[in-house]
Amino acid sequence: MNVIIRKMKKRDLLHVKNVAETSWRATYEGIIPIRIQEEFLSKAYNEKMLKKRRRNTNFFVAEVDGKIVGFANYSK
């Protein structure tokens, strides 16, 4: 398995959104109602917000064999 950690690029936006949605649903199924999850995901992981976070914070993706499988986002 070939794992690469790199800065997020514009072309990664949709992949990051998909990872966020998949991981949230798997993690919070039966804990947080789907309506609340969808509301949060639509605000935190929409294209405009992801572009802003990419510009203004540290945003990295994890790739395995060329496919984005995770990400990390933080600020000081």
N, C-alpha and C. Protein backbone atom coordinates (compact mmCIF):
# COMPACT_ATOMS: atom_id res chain seq x y z
N MET A 1 0.85 -1.17 0.00
CA MET A 1 0.00 0.00 0.00
C MET A 1 0.90 1.24 0.00
N ASN A 2 0.61 2.15 -0.91
CA ASN A 2 1.39 3.38 -1.07
C ASN A 2 0.57 4.55 -0.53
N VAL A 3 0.96 5.09 0.65
CA VAL A 3 0.24 6.20 1.27
C VAL A 3 1.02 7.49 1.07
N ILE A 4 0.31 8.52 0.62
CA ILE A 4 0.92 9.84 0.42
C ILE A 4 0.09 10.87 1.19
N ILE A 5 0.75 11.71 1.96
CA ILE A 5 0.11 12.84 2.63
C ILE A 5 0.60 14.09 1.91
N ARG A 6 -0.34 14.93 1.46
CA ARG A 6 0.03 16.13 0.73
C ARG A 6 -1.01 17.22 0.98
N LYS A 7 -0.64 18.45 0.61
CA LYS A 7 -1.59 19.55 0.73
C LYS A 7 -2.75 19.33 -0.23
N MET A 8 -3.92 19.73 0.22
CA MET A 8 -5.11 19.59 -0.61
C MET A 8 -5.03 20.54 -1.81
N LYS A 9 -5.48 20.07 -2.95
CA LYS A 9 -5.55 20.87 -4.17
C LYS A 9 -7.01 21.11 -4.52
N LYS A 10 -7.26 22.09 -5.38
CA LYS A 10 -8.63 22.41 -5.78
C LYS A 10 -9.35 21.18 -6.33
N ARG A 11 -8.65 20.37 -7.06
CA ARG A 11 -9.28 19.20 -7.69
C ARG A 11 -9.71 18.14 -6.67
N ASP A 12 -9.27 18.30 -5.42
CA ASP A 12 -9.59 17.33 -4.37
C ASP A 12 -10.91 17.63 -3.65
N LEU A 13 -11.53 18.76 -3.92
CA LEU A 13 -12.70 19.20 -3.15
C LEU A 13 -13.80 18.14 -3.09
N LEU A 14 -14.18 17.62 -4.21
CA LEU A 14 -15.26 16.64 -4.23
C LEU A 14 -14.89 15.37 -3.47
N HIS A 15 -13.64 14.96 -3.58
CA HIS A 15 -13.19 13.75 -2.89
C HIS A 15 -13.20 13.95 -1.38
N VAL A 16 -12.77 15.12 -0.93
CA VAL A 16 -12.78 15.43 0.50
C VAL A 16 -14.22 15.44 1.01
N LYS A 17 -15.10 16.06 0.25
CA LYS A 17 -16.51 16.09 0.63
C LYS A 17 -17.06 14.66 0.76
N ASN A 18 -16.73 13.79 -0.18
CA ASN A 18 -17.20 12.40 -0.13
C ASN A 18 -16.66 11.66 1.08
N VAL A 19 -15.39 11.87 1.42
CA VAL A 19 -14.80 11.23 2.60
C VAL A 19 -15.51 11.73 3.86
N ALA A 20 -15.75 13.03 3.94
CA ALA A 20 -16.43 13.60 5.11
C ALA A 20 -17.83 13.00 5.27
N GLU A 21 -18.58 12.96 4.18
CA GLU A 21 -19.94 12.43 4.24
C GLU A 21 -19.94 10.95 4.63
N THR A 22 -19.08 10.18 4.03
CA THR A 22 -19.01 8.74 4.32
C THR A 22 -18.62 8.49 5.77
N SER A 23 -17.61 9.21 6.25
CA SER A 23 -17.15 8.97 7.62
C SER A 23 -18.16 9.47 8.65
N TRP A 24 -18.81 10.59 8.39
CA TRP A 24 -19.83 11.09 9.32
C TRP A 24 -20.99 10.10 9.42
N ARG A 25 -21.46 9.62 8.29
CA ARG A 25 -22.60 8.70 8.30
C ARG A 25 -22.25 7.41 9.04
N ALA A 26 -21.07 6.89 8.79
CA ALA A 26 -20.65 5.65 9.44
C ALA A 26 -20.44 5.85 10.94
N THR A 27 -19.89 6.98 11.32
CA THR A 27 -19.59 7.25 12.72
C THR A 27 -20.83 7.56 13.54
N TYR A 28 -21.72 8.37 12.98
CA TYR A 28 -22.84 8.89 13.78
C TYR A 28 -24.20 8.25 13.49
N GLU A 29 -24.21 7.19 12.69
CA GLU A 29 -25.47 6.49 12.42
C GLU A 29 -26.07 6.01 13.74
N GLY A 30 -27.33 6.36 13.96
CA GLY A 30 -28.01 5.97 15.19
C GLY A 30 -27.70 6.85 16.38
N ILE A 31 -26.78 7.80 16.22
CA ILE A 31 -26.41 8.70 17.31
C ILE A 31 -26.94 10.11 17.02
N ILE A 32 -26.62 10.61 15.84
CA ILE A 32 -27.07 11.93 15.42
C ILE A 32 -28.07 11.73 14.28
N PRO A 33 -29.26 12.29 14.38
CA PRO A 33 -30.25 12.12 13.31
C PRO A 33 -29.68 12.55 11.95
N ILE A 34 -30.06 11.82 10.91
CA ILE A 34 -29.55 12.07 9.56
C ILE A 34 -29.80 13.50 9.12
N ARG A 35 -30.93 14.07 9.50
CA ARG A 35 -31.25 15.46 9.14
C ARG A 35 -30.20 16.43 9.69
N ILE A 36 -29.79 16.21 10.93
CA ILE A 36 -28.77 17.06 11.56
C ILE A 36 -27.42 16.85 10.88
N GLN A 37 -27.09 15.61 10.57
CA GLN A 37 -25.84 15.32 9.86
C GLN A 37 -25.81 16.03 8.52
N GLU A 38 -26.89 15.90 7.76
CA GLU A 38 -26.96 16.52 6.43
C GLU A 38 -26.82 18.04 6.53
N GLU A 39 -27.46 18.62 7.53
CA GLU A 39 -27.38 20.08 7.71
C GLU A 39 -25.94 20.50 8.00
N PHE A 40 -25.28 19.77 8.91
CA PHE A 40 -23.89 20.09 9.22
C PHE A 40 -22.99 19.91 8.01
N LEU A 41 -23.11 18.78 7.34
CA LEU A 41 -22.26 18.49 6.18
C LEU A 41 -22.45 19.51 5.07
N SER A 42 -23.68 19.94 4.84
CA SER A 42 -23.93 20.91 3.78
C SER A 42 -23.32 22.27 4.09
N LYS A 43 -23.16 22.59 5.37
CA LYS A 43 -22.54 23.87 5.75
C LYS A 43 -21.02 23.77 5.84
N ALA A 44 -20.53 22.71 6.42
CA ALA A 44 -19.10 22.59 6.68
C ALA A 44 -18.30 22.08 5.49
N TYR A 45 -18.95 21.34 4.58
CA TYR A 45 -18.22 20.71 3.49
C TYR A 45 -18.76 21.07 2.11
N ASN A 46 -19.40 22.22 2.00
CA ASN A 46 -19.81 22.66 0.67
C ASN A 46 -18.59 23.23 -0.06
N GLU A 47 -18.71 23.41 -1.35
CA GLU A 47 -17.56 23.84 -2.17
C GLU A 47 -16.99 25.17 -1.71
N LYS A 48 -17.85 26.13 -1.42
CA LYS A 48 -17.38 27.45 -0.99
C LYS A 48 -16.59 27.36 0.32
N MET A 49 -17.11 26.60 1.29
CA MET A 49 -16.42 26.47 2.58
C MET A 49 -15.11 25.71 2.43
N LEU A 50 -15.09 24.67 1.63
CA LEU A 50 -13.85 23.92 1.44
C LEU A 50 -12.78 24.77 0.76
N LYS A 51 -13.17 25.60 -0.20
CA LYS A 51 -12.21 26.50 -0.85
C LYS A 51 -11.65 27.49 0.16
N LYS A 52 -12.52 28.03 1.00
CA LYS A 52 -12.09 28.99 2.03
C LYS A 52 -11.13 28.32 3.02
N ARG A 53 -11.48 27.14 3.48
CA ARG A 53 -10.62 26.42 4.42
C ARG A 53 -9.29 26.06 3.78
N ARG A 54 -9.31 25.70 2.52
CA ARG A 54 -8.07 25.37 1.80
C ARG A 54 -7.14 26.58 1.74
N ARG A 55 -7.72 27.76 1.51
CA ARG A 55 -6.92 29.00 1.42
C ARG A 55 -6.40 29.45 2.78
N ASN A 56 -7.22 29.32 3.83
CA ASN A 56 -6.93 29.98 5.10
C ASN A 56 -6.45 29.09 6.22
N THR A 57 -6.41 27.79 6.02
CA THR A 57 -5.97 26.87 7.07
C THR A 57 -5.03 25.83 6.48
N ASN A 58 -4.53 25.00 7.33
CA ASN A 58 -3.69 23.88 6.89
C ASN A 58 -4.62 22.72 6.54
N PHE A 59 -4.57 22.28 5.31
CA PHE A 59 -5.50 21.24 4.84
C PHE A 59 -4.70 20.21 4.04
N PHE A 60 -4.70 19.00 4.54
CA PHE A 60 -3.94 17.92 3.91
C PHE A 60 -4.87 16.76 3.56
N VAL A 61 -4.50 16.02 2.55
CA VAL A 61 -5.24 14.80 2.18
C VAL A 61 -4.30 13.61 2.28
N ALA A 62 -4.90 12.45 2.52
CA ALA A 62 -4.18 11.19 2.52
C ALA A 62 -4.63 10.40 1.30
N GLU A 63 -3.68 9.95 0.51
CA GLU A 63 -3.97 9.17 -0.70
C GLU A 63 -3.42 7.77 -0.53
N VAL A 64 -4.18 6.79 -0.97
CA VAL A 64 -3.70 5.41 -1.05
C VAL A 64 -3.88 4.98 -2.50
N ASP A 65 -2.77 4.69 -3.12
CA ASP A 65 -2.79 4.28 -4.52
C ASP A 65 -3.58 5.26 -5.39
N GLY A 66 -3.38 6.57 -5.14
CA GLY A 66 -3.99 7.61 -5.95
C GLY A 66 -5.40 8.00 -5.57
N LYS A 67 -5.98 7.35 -4.56
CA LYS A 67 -7.36 7.65 -4.14
C LYS A 67 -7.34 8.32 -2.77
N ILE A 68 -8.07 9.44 -2.64
CA ILE A 68 -8.13 10.14 -1.36
C ILE A 68 -8.99 9.33 -0.40
N VAL A 69 -8.39 8.99 0.75
CA VAL A 69 -9.07 8.17 1.74
C VAL A 69 -9.23 8.88 3.08
N GLY A 70 -8.65 10.06 3.22
CA GLY A 70 -8.76 10.81 4.46
C GLY A 70 -8.23 12.20 4.29
N PHE A 71 -8.43 13.01 5.33
CA PHE A 71 -7.92 14.38 5.31
C PHE A 71 -7.75 14.89 6.72
N ALA A 72 -6.96 15.95 6.85
CA ALA A 72 -6.75 16.64 8.13
C ALA A 72 -6.80 18.13 7.84
N ASN A 73 -7.49 18.84 8.70
CA ASN A 73 -7.65 20.29 8.53
C ASN A 73 -7.51 20.93 9.88
N TYR A 74 -6.62 21.92 10.00
CA TYR A 74 -6.45 22.61 11.28
C TYR A 74 -5.93 24.02 11.05
N SER A 75 -6.06 24.82 12.08
CA SER A 75 -5.52 26.18 12.05
C SER A 75 -4.84 26.47 13.37
N LYS A 76 -4.04 27.51 13.38
CA LYS A 76 -3.32 27.87 14.60
C LYS A 76 -4.26 28.48 15.59
